[in-house]
C-alpha atoms as a PDB file:
ATOM      1  CA  UNK A   1    -149.102 100.834 -89.181  1.00  0.00           C
ATOM      2  CA  UNK A   2    -145.927 101.906 -87.625  1.00  0.00           C
ATOM      3  CA  UNK A   3    -142.434 101.483 -89.206  1.00  0.00           C
ATOM      4  CA  UNK A   4    -140.424  98.659 -87.930  1.00  0.00           C
ATOM      5  CA  UNK A   5    -136.625  98.602 -87.725  1.00  0.00           C
ATOM      6  CA  UNK A   6    -134.156  95.961 -86.476  1.00  0.00           C
ATOM      7  CA  UNK A   7    -130.713  96.435 -85.254  1.00  0.00           C
ATOM      8  CA  UNK A   8    -127.649  95.024 -83.496  1.00  0.00           C
ATOM      9  CA  UNK A   9    -125.855  96.345 -80.511  1.00  0.00           C
ATOM     10  CA  UNK A  10    -122.225  95.301 -80.586  1.00  0.00           C
ATOM     11  CA  UNK A  11    -120.437  95.202 -77.274  1.00  0.00           C
ATOM     12  CA  UNK A  12    -116.959  94.391 -75.770  1.00  0.00           C
ATOM     13  CA  UNK A  13    -115.510  94.132 -72.299  1.00  0.00           C
ATOM     14  CA  UNK A  14    -112.484  96.273 -71.950  1.00  0.00           C
ATOM     15  CA  UNK A  15    -112.048  97.695 -68.411  1.00  0.00           C
ATOM     16  CA  UNK A  16    -115.829  97.529 -68.224  1.00  0.00           C
ATOM     17  CA  UNK A  17    -118.607  97.210 -70.738  1.00  0.00           C
ATOM     18  CA  UNK A  18    -118.463  99.194 -73.993  1.00  0.00           C
ATOM     19  CA  UNK A  19    -121.108  99.546 -76.678  1.00  0.00           C
ATOM     20  CA  UNK A  20    -120.862 100.450 -80.246  1.00  0.00           C
ATOM     21  CA  UNK A  21    -123.300 103.205 -81.373  1.00  0.00           C
ATOM     22  CA  UNK A  22    -123.888 105.005 -84.658  1.00  0.00           C
ATOM     23  CA  UNK A  23    -124.782 108.797 -85.141  1.00  0.00           C
ATOM     24  CA  UNK A  24    -127.230 109.635 -87.779  1.00  0.00           C
ATOM     25  CA  UNK A  25    -126.086 111.829 -90.724  1.00  0.00           C
ATOM     26  CA  UNK A  26    -127.625 115.059 -92.302  1.00  0.00           C
ATOM     27  CA  UNK A  27    -128.261 118.532 -91.033  1.00  0.00           C
ATOM     28  CA  UNK A  28    -130.889 117.788 -88.389  1.00  0.00           C
ATOM     29  CA  UNK A  29    -128.519 115.522 -86.390  1.00  0.00           C
ATOM     30  CA  UNK A  30    -125.183 117.270 -87.153  1.00  0.00           C
ATOM     31  CA  UNK A  31    -124.998 119.461 -84.065  1.00  0.00           C
ATOM     32  CA  UNK A  32    -126.528 117.014 -81.854  1.00  0.00           C
ATOM     33  CA  UNK A  33    -124.704 114.710 -79.602  1.00  0.00           C
ATOM     34  CA  UNK A  34    -126.459 113.613 -76.435  1.00  0.00           C
ATOM     35  CA  UNK A  35    -129.592 111.654 -76.833  1.00  0.00           C
ATOM     36  CA  UNK A  36    -128.971 111.363 -80.683  1.00  0.00           C
ATOM     37  CA  UNK A  37    -126.793 108.157 -81.284  1.00  0.00           C
ATOM     38  CA  UNK A  38    -128.523 104.793 -82.052  1.00  0.00           C
ATOM     39  CA  UNK A  39    -127.646 101.207 -82.496  1.00  0.00           C
ATOM     40  CA  UNK A  40    -126.942 100.345 -86.051  1.00  0.00           C
ATOM     41  CA  UNK A  41    -130.301  99.578 -87.484  1.00  0.00           C
ATOM     42  CA  UNK A  42    -132.589 100.014 -90.416  1.00  0.00           C
ATOM     43  CA  UNK A  43    -136.104  99.245 -91.639  1.00  0.00           C
ATOM     44  CA  UNK A  44    -137.209  95.760 -92.131  1.00  0.00           C
ATOM     45  CA  UNK A  45    -138.277  94.820 -95.670  1.00  0.00           C
ATOM     46  CA  UNK A  46    -141.690  93.158 -96.415  1.00  0.00           C
ATOM     47  CA  UNK A  47    -141.740  89.462 -95.404  1.00  0.00           C
ATOM     48  CA  UNK A  48    -138.045  89.818 -93.897  1.00  0.00           C
ATOM     49  CA  UNK A  49    -137.249  87.974 -90.655  1.00  0.00           C
ATOM     50  CA  UNK A  50    -136.486  90.633 -87.968  1.00  0.00           C
ATOM     51  CA  UNK A  51    -133.170  89.093 -86.993  1.00  0.00           C
ATOM     52  CA  UNK A  52    -131.972  88.764 -90.498  1.00  0.00           C
ATOM     53  CA  UNK A  53    -132.890  92.311 -91.176  1.00  0.00           C
ATOM     54  CA  UNK A  54    -130.808  93.290 -88.052  1.00  0.00           C
ATOM     55  CA  UNK A  55    -127.766  91.564 -89.508  1.00  0.00           C
ATOM     56  CA  UNK A  56    -128.279  92.976 -92.991  1.00  0.00           C
ATOM     57  CA  UNK A  57    -128.419  96.453 -91.782  1.00  0.00           C
ATOM     58  CA  UNK A  58    -125.487  96.238 -89.518  1.00  0.00           C
ATOM     59  CA  UNK A  59    -123.258  94.905 -92.392  1.00  0.00           C
ATOM     60  CA  UNK A  60    -124.850  97.623 -94.708  1.00  0.00           C
ATOM     61  CA  UNK A  61    -124.210 100.396 -92.358  1.00  0.00           C
ATOM     62  CA  UNK A  62    -120.951  99.380 -90.603  1.00  0.00           C
ATOM     63  CA  UNK A  63    -119.258  97.259 -93.392  1.00  0.00           C
ATOM     64  CA  UNK A  64    -118.631  94.363 -90.988  1.00  0.00           C
ATOM     65  CA  UNK A  65    -120.300  91.024 -91.035  1.00  0.00           C
ATOM     66  CA  UNK A  66    -121.725  90.356 -87.578  1.00  0.00           C
ATOM     67  CA  UNK A  67    -120.924  86.967 -86.238  1.00  0.00           C
ATOM     68  CA  UNK A  68    -121.012  85.307 -82.699  1.00  0.00           C
ATOM     69  CA  UNK A  69    -123.719  84.406 -80.225  1.00  0.00           C
ATOM     70  CA  UNK A  70    -126.633  86.774 -80.360  1.00  0.00           C
ATOM     71  CA  UNK A  71    -128.743  87.940 -77.276  1.00  0.00           C
ATOM     72  CA  UNK A  72    -132.225  89.113 -77.756  1.00  0.00           C
ATOM     73  CA  UNK A  73    -132.768  92.495 -76.289  1.00  0.00           C
ATOM     74  CA  UNK A  74    -136.596  92.931 -76.855  1.00  0.00           C
ATOM     75  CA  UNK A  75    -138.132  95.857 -78.677  1.00  0.00           C
ATOM     76  CA  UNK A  76    -138.763  99.545 -77.896  1.00  0.00           C
ATOM     77  CA  UNK A  77    -141.163 102.141 -79.305  1.00  0.00           C
ATOM     78  CA  UNK A  78    -139.415 105.460 -80.223  1.00  0.00           C
ATOM     79  CA  UNK A  79    -140.952 108.995 -80.033  1.00  0.00           C
ATOM     80  CA  UNK A  80    -141.741 108.739 -83.665  1.00  0.00           C
ATOM     81  CA  UNK A  81    -143.863 105.537 -83.089  1.00  0.00           C
ATOM     82  CA  UNK A  82    -141.304 103.478 -84.900  1.00  0.00           C
ATOM     83  CA  UNK A  83    -140.917  99.998 -83.384  1.00  0.00           C
ATOM     84  CA  UNK A  84    -137.192  98.868 -83.011  1.00  0.00           C
ATOM     85  CA  UNK A  85    -136.105  95.352 -82.430  1.00  0.00           C
ATOM     86  CA  UNK A  86    -132.525  94.567 -81.142  1.00  0.00           C
ATOM     87  CA  UNK A  87    -129.900  91.816 -80.415  1.00  0.00           C
ATOM     88  CA  UNK A  88    -126.656  92.140 -78.833  1.00  0.00           C
ATOM     89  CA  UNK A  89    -123.310  90.369 -79.772  1.00  0.00           C
ATOM     90  CA  UNK A  90    -119.897  90.584 -78.505  1.00  0.00           C
ATOM     91  CA  UNK A  91    -116.921  91.419 -80.731  1.00  0.00           C
ATOM     92  CA  UNK A  92    -113.693  92.891 -79.285  1.00  0.00           C
ATOM     93  CA  UNK A  93    -112.322  94.255 -82.582  1.00  0.00           C
ATOM     94  CA  UNK A  94    -113.134  97.690 -83.831  1.00  0.00           C
ATOM     95  CA  UNK A  95    -114.634  98.148 -87.225  1.00  0.00           C
ATOM     96  CA  UNK A  96    -112.012  99.995 -89.479  1.00  0.00           C
ATOM     97  CA  UNK A  97    -114.445 100.818 -92.241  1.00  0.00           C
ATOM     98  CA  UNK A  98    -117.606 102.791 -91.859  1.00  0.00           C
ATOM     99  CA  UNK A  99    -119.643 102.100 -94.947  1.00  0.00           C
ATOM    100  CA  UNK A 100    -121.067 105.389 -96.392  1.00  0.00           C
ATOM    101  CA  UNK A 101    -124.681 104.673 -97.501  1.00  0.00           C
ATOM    102  CA  UNK A 102    -126.482 107.739 -98.601  1.00  0.00           C
ATOM    103  CA  UNK A 103    -130.243 108.483 -98.561  1.00  0.00           C
ATOM    104  CA  UNK A 104    -132.236 111.462-100.179  1.00  0.00           C
ATOM    105  CA  UNK A 105    -134.411 113.420 -97.823  1.00  0.00           C
ATOM    106  CA  UNK A 106    -136.499 116.568 -98.035  1.00  0.00           C
ATOM    107  CA  UNK A 107    -134.877 119.384 -96.123  1.00  0.00           C
ATOM    108  CA  UNK A 108    -136.248 122.897 -96.126  1.00  0.00           C
ATOM    109  CA  UNK A 109    -138.225 122.277 -99.332  1.00  0.00           C
ATOM    110  CA  UNK A 110    -135.203 120.729-101.160  1.00  0.00           C
ATOM    111  CA  UNK A 111    -134.090 117.070-101.779  1.00  0.00           C
ATOM    112  CA  UNK A 112    -130.530 116.610-100.372  1.00  0.00           C
ATOM    113  CA  UNK A 113    -128.407 113.527-100.246  1.00  0.00           C
ATOM    114  CA  UNK A 114    -127.000 112.715 -96.746  1.00  0.00           C
ATOM    115  CA  UNK A 115    -124.999 109.761 -95.215  1.00  0.00           C
ATOM    116  CA  UNK A 116    -127.267 107.364 -93.144  1.00  0.00           C
ATOM    117  CA  UNK A 117    -124.646 107.596 -90.439  1.00  0.00           C
ATOM    118  CA  UNK A 118    -121.917 109.925 -90.203  1.00  0.00           C
ATOM    119  CA  UNK A 119    -119.802 108.243 -87.485  1.00  0.00           C
ATOM    120  CA  UNK A 120    -119.858 105.242 -85.292  1.00  0.00           C
ATOM    121  CA  UNK A 121    -117.731 104.360 -82.206  1.00  0.00           C
ATOM    122  CA  UNK A 122    -117.559 102.370 -79.044  1.00  0.00           C
ATOM    123  CA  UNK A 123    -118.658 104.212 -75.787  1.00  0.00           C
ATOM    124  CA  UNK A 124    -118.440 103.157 -72.066  1.00  0.00           C
ATOM    125  CA  UNK A 125    -121.801 101.972 -70.990  1.00  0.00           C
ATOM    126  CA  UNK A 126    -122.232 105.116 -68.679  1.00  0.00           C
ATOM    127  CA  UNK A 127    -121.299 107.419 -71.663  1.00  0.00           C
ATOM    128  CA  UNK A 128    -123.585 105.496 -74.037  1.00  0.00           C
ATOM    129  CA  UNK A 129    -126.573 106.007 -71.726  1.00  0.00           C
ATOM    130  CA  UNK A 130    -126.140 109.804 -72.301  1.00  0.00           C
ATOM    131  CA  UNK A 131    -125.474 109.566 -76.126  1.00  0.00           C
ATOM    132  CA  UNK A 132    -128.196 106.946 -77.148  1.00  0.00           C
ATOM    133  CA  UNK A 133    -131.818 107.951 -78.147  1.00  0.00           C
ATOM    134  CA  UNK A 134    -133.979 107.768 -74.988  1.00  0.00           C
ATOM    135  CA  UNK A 135    -136.089 105.038 -76.006  1.00  0.00           C
ATOM    136  CA  UNK A 136    -133.194 102.706 -76.863  1.00  0.00           C
ATOM    137  CA  UNK A 137    -131.632 103.171 -73.473  1.00  0.00           C
ATOM    138  CA  UNK A 138    -133.641 100.108 -72.445  1.00  0.00           C
ATOM    139  CA  UNK A 139    -131.337  98.049 -74.744  1.00  0.00           C
ATOM    140  CA  UNK A 140    -128.305  99.183 -72.900  1.00  0.00           C
ATOM    141  CA  UNK A 141    -129.935  98.490 -69.477  1.00  0.00           C
ATOM    142  CA  UNK A 142    -131.078  94.936 -70.597  1.00  0.00           C
ATOM    143  CA  UNK A 143    -127.540  94.123 -71.930  1.00  0.00           C
ATOM    144  CA  UNK A 144    -126.011  95.264 -68.514  1.00  0.00           C
ATOM    145  CA  UNK A 145    -128.426  92.964 -66.762  1.00  0.00           C
ATOM    146  CA  UNK A 146    -127.410  89.951 -69.127  1.00  0.00           C
ATOM    147  CA  UNK A 147    -123.606  90.457 -69.004  1.00  0.00           C
ATOM    148  CA  UNK A 148    -123.162  91.014 -65.241  1.00  0.00           C
END
C-alpha cells in the first residue's frame, strides 16, 4: 500500500501569481534547490480525513492556521510511489514563523535528527515550476488554470 500525504498550496497575487513552497531539511536535500521544493504536506494518519490532514500538516510545519476558501487540486503520484493530495488557498500575508519540527532518520548507518523543512517562501509561478518536485508541478498548472 503506498504512503499517502496531504498538503496545502498557499498562493497570493502580487504582480502575478506567487506560491508558497517548503524545502525539505537534512543532508540529502541540503545542496539541492531545483526540483526539490514541495507544498507543505505530510502523511495522513489512519482514519484521518485527507483535507483535515492537509490543514493539520500546514499548521504543524508552517506555524500558521490556514483559513479561507480552499480549492481542490487533485492528487499526484510521486517518484517514490507516495500519493499526494492537495488543496490551494489564497493568503496575501507571509508567515513570519517557520515552525521547526524535527524527525529522526537513518543516514549512512546512523540515526540523525533533522528539521522536516529547513526553509519556506513565496516564489513566482514560473520560478516555482523550476523549484518544485516534478510530480507536484501538476498542482501549479492546475492552480494557474483556476485563478486565470
